[in-house]
Amino acid sequence: MPKIEAFIDNISTYCVDGVDFLTELLPKFPSVEVDWRQIEGHPKLEEPEHSPHVDLIVRGSLYIKDNGGDELGFIRRIFKVHFEEKRSIEDVSVLVECATDVGVDATAFEAALFDQKYEKAQLDANDYAYEKKGVWFVPTFVCDDIRLDAVEGIGVTKEQVEDFLTKCCK
């Protein structure tokens, strides 16, 4: 079964499009499994001047992944809150609301946002993406040695995503 690593940042409009294209096309490729890998496009520790920051979102997403929750639902809810509702995704109460909207326990989720385990996992996720997988722009999709990298200022097209999935499934 082909497995895709989908590297995304929750404040990238290019990632909104990339996630939409990928999920829209997945029914044509039923054997594909997606491993959502949320990362910081502008890591808070390295680029504090870029805001809003998504470090807490990444931690929360990792908690949801660890506990078998609806990670894609959380991703989509964050996109909606940020881009459509124009609410602060750095506000912990907004993140907790997004998590509960997809069936996650509010108390456990909020605790995970500040748990050292998830702080380390969030930093490791960035390291894995940037240092081990060579991600520079998001979204980036990787399937073994096949990859689709976004172009800065452009993102990816639906046709590129479909071509990537076709190659991944060969």
Protein backbone atom coordinates (compact mmCIF):
# COMPACT_ATOMS: atom_id res chain seq x y z
CA MET A 1 0.00 0.00 0.00
CA PRO A 2 1.54 3.35 -1.01
CA LYS A 3 1.99 5.79 1.86
CA ILE A 4 2.25 9.53 1.34
CA GLU A 5 3.77 11.92 3.80
CA ALA A 6 1.90 15.22 3.40
CA PHE A 7 3.88 18.10 4.89
CA ILE A 8 1.66 21.11 5.53
CA ASP A 9 1.51 24.36 7.49
CA ASN A 10 -1.87 25.46 8.81
CA ILE A 11 -1.47 29.11 7.81
CA SER A 12 -0.57 28.49 4.18
CA THR A 13 -3.26 29.08 1.58
CA TYR A 14 -1.18 26.84 -0.68
CA CYS A 15 -1.64 24.06 1.85
CA VAL A 16 -5.40 24.58 1.90
CA ASP A 17 -5.39 24.04 -1.86
CA GLY A 18 -2.95 21.13 -1.65
CA VAL A 19 -5.00 19.34 1.02
CA ASP A 20 -8.19 19.94 -0.98
CA PHE A 21 -6.61 18.59 -4.18
CA LEU A 22 -5.15 15.56 -2.43
CA THR A 23 -8.34 14.61 -0.57
CA GLU A 24 -10.47 15.21 -3.66
CA LEU A 25 -8.27 12.87 -5.72
CA LEU A 26 -7.76 10.13 -3.12
CA PRO A 27 -10.96 8.22 -4.03
CA LYS A 28 -9.36 7.54 -7.43
CA PHE A 29 -6.40 5.99 -5.57
CA PRO A 30 -8.01 3.89 -2.82
CA SER A 31 -4.83 2.05 -1.88
CA VAL A 32 -3.05 5.27 -0.81
CA GLU A 33 -2.63 6.05 2.86
CA VAL A 34 -1.82 9.62 3.95
CA ASP A 35 0.40 10.47 6.90
CA TRP A 36 -0.38 14.11 7.70
CA ARG A 37 2.74 15.91 8.85
CA GLN A 38 1.95 19.34 10.12
CA ILE A 39 4.99 21.55 10.52
CA GLU A 40 5.82 25.18 11.17
CA GLY A 41 6.42 27.03 7.93
CA HIS A 42 8.04 29.73 10.03
CA PRO A 43 9.29 28.09 13.23
CA LYS A 44 8.57 30.25 16.25
CA LEU A 45 12.00 29.72 17.78
CA GLU A 46 13.87 30.60 14.58
CA GLU A 47 11.56 33.25 13.11
CA PRO A 48 9.73 34.95 16.01
CA GLU A 49 8.85 37.93 13.80
CA HIS A 50 6.54 35.78 11.65
CA SER A 51 3.07 35.47 13.07
CA PRO A 52 0.75 33.76 13.64
CA HIS A 53 2.67 30.78 14.90
CA VAL A 54 1.44 27.19 14.58
CA ASP A 55 3.61 25.44 17.16
CA LEU A 56 0.61 24.70 19.40
CA ILE A 57 -1.42 23.48 16.43
CA VAL A 58 1.35 21.03 15.52
CA ARG A 59 1.48 19.79 19.12
CA GLY A 60 -2.28 19.37 19.19
CA SER A 61 -2.26 17.56 15.89
CA LEU A 62 0.42 15.19 17.14
CA TYR A 63 -1.70 14.48 20.21
CA ILE A 64 -4.72 13.77 17.98
CA LYS A 65 -2.58 11.48 15.78
CA ASP A 66 -1.25 9.61 18.83
CA ASN A 67 -4.78 9.03 20.07
CA GLY A 68 -6.36 7.92 16.79
CA GLY A 69 -8.43 11.07 16.37
CA ASP A 70 -9.68 12.81 13.25
CA GLU A 71 -6.49 14.58 12.24
CA LEU A 72 -7.78 15.64 8.82
CA GLY A 73 -10.94 16.99 10.44
CA PHE A 74 -8.77 19.04 12.81
CA ILE A 75 -6.68 20.34 9.89
CA ARG A 76 -9.80 21.40 8.01
CA ARG A 77 -11.30 23.00 11.13
CA ILE A 78 -8.11 25.03 11.71
CA PHE A 79 -8.14 26.15 8.07
CA LYS A 80 -11.75 27.31 8.45
CA VAL A 81 -11.14 29.13 11.73
CA HIS A 82 -8.07 30.91 10.37
CA PHE A 83 -9.04 31.71 6.80
CA GLU A 84 -12.83 32.03 6.91
CA GLU A 85 -13.71 32.97 10.46
CA LYS A 86 -10.55 35.11 10.90
CA ARG A 87 -10.07 33.95 14.50
CA SER A 88 -6.74 33.71 16.28
CA ILE A 89 -5.17 30.28 15.92
CA GLU A 90 -2.72 31.23 18.67
CA ASP A 91 -5.62 31.40 21.14
CA VAL A 92 -5.66 28.16 23.13
CA SER A 93 -9.44 28.29 23.61
CA VAL A 94 -9.90 28.42 19.81
CA LEU A 95 -7.64 25.38 19.36
CA VAL A 96 -9.49 23.49 22.09
CA GLU A 97 -12.78 24.33 20.38
CA CYS A 98 -11.42 23.00 17.06
CA ALA A 99 -10.31 19.79 18.76
CA THR A 100 -13.64 19.24 20.49
CA ASP A 101 -15.41 19.88 17.18
CA VAL A 102 -13.70 16.71 15.88
CA GLY A 103 -14.44 14.66 19.01
CA VAL A 104 -11.30 15.20 21.11
CA ASP A 105 -11.48 15.55 24.89
CA ALA A 106 -10.92 19.25 25.69
CA THR A 107 -9.03 18.78 28.95
CA ALA A 108 -6.61 16.18 27.60
CA PHE A 109 -6.06 18.16 24.41
CA GLU A 110 -5.27 21.40 26.24
CA ALA A 111 -2.86 19.61 28.57
CA ALA A 112 -1.08 18.08 25.55
CA LEU A 113 -0.47 21.55 24.09
CA PHE A 114 1.87 22.31 26.99
CA ASP A 115 3.23 18.81 27.58
CA GLN A 116 7.00 18.51 27.08
CA LYS A 117 6.42 15.29 25.15
CA TYR A 118 4.48 17.16 22.46
CA GLU A 119 6.78 20.16 22.54
CA LYS A 120 9.69 17.84 21.75
CA ALA A 121 7.62 15.99 19.13
CA GLN A 122 6.73 19.32 17.46
CA LEU A 123 10.42 20.30 17.26
CA ASP A 124 11.27 16.81 15.98
CA ALA A 125 8.55 17.15 13.30
CA ASN A 126 10.21 20.32 12.02
CA ASP A 127 13.63 18.67 12.08
CA TYR A 128 12.32 15.61 10.25
CA ALA A 129 10.71 17.74 7.55
CA TYR A 130 13.50 20.23 7.00
CA GLU A 131 16.63 18.26 7.79
CA LYS A 132 15.74 14.68 6.89
CA LYS A 133 13.18 15.15 4.09
CA GLY A 134 14.46 18.40 2.57
CA VAL A 135 11.14 20.24 2.71
CA TRP A 136 11.51 23.92 1.85
CA PHE A 137 8.04 24.95 0.72
CA VAL A 138 4.66 23.56 1.63
CA PRO A 139 2.73 21.60 0.75
CA THR A 140 5.23 18.89 -0.03
CA PHE A 141 4.08 15.34 -0.71
CA VAL A 142 6.51 12.42 -0.49
CA CYS A 143 5.97 8.78 -1.47
CA ASP A 144 9.19 6.77 -1.18
CA ASP A 145 11.55 8.45 -3.67
CA ILE A 146 8.74 10.29 -5.50
CA ARG A 147 7.95 13.80 -4.34
CA LEU A 148 5.95 16.84 -5.20
CA ASP A 149 7.35 20.08 -3.82
CA ALA A 150 5.38 23.30 -3.82
CA VAL A 151 6.86 26.22 -5.67
CA GLU A 152 7.30 29.34 -3.58
CA GLY A 153 4.48 31.75 -4.24
CA ILE A 154 2.62 29.21 -6.38
CA GLY A 155 2.01 26.00 -4.43
CA VAL A 156 0.90 22.92 -6.36
CA THR A 157 -1.77 22.33 -8.98
CA LYS A 158 -4.45 19.67 -8.98
CA GLU A 159 -2.85 18.20 -12.11
CA GLN A 160 0.51 17.93 -10.35
CA VAL A 161 -1.09 16.19 -7.38
CA GLU A 162 -2.86 13.72 -9.68
CA ASP A 163 0.38 13.02 -11.55
CA PHE A 164 2.17 12.51 -8.21
CA LEU A 165 -0.50 10.05 -7.01
CA THR A 166 -0.35 8.15 -10.30
CA LYS A 167 3.43 7.77 -10.00
CA CYS A 168 3.15 6.82 -6.35
CA CYS A 169 0.73 3.98 -7.16
CA LYS A 170 2.84 2.38 -9.91
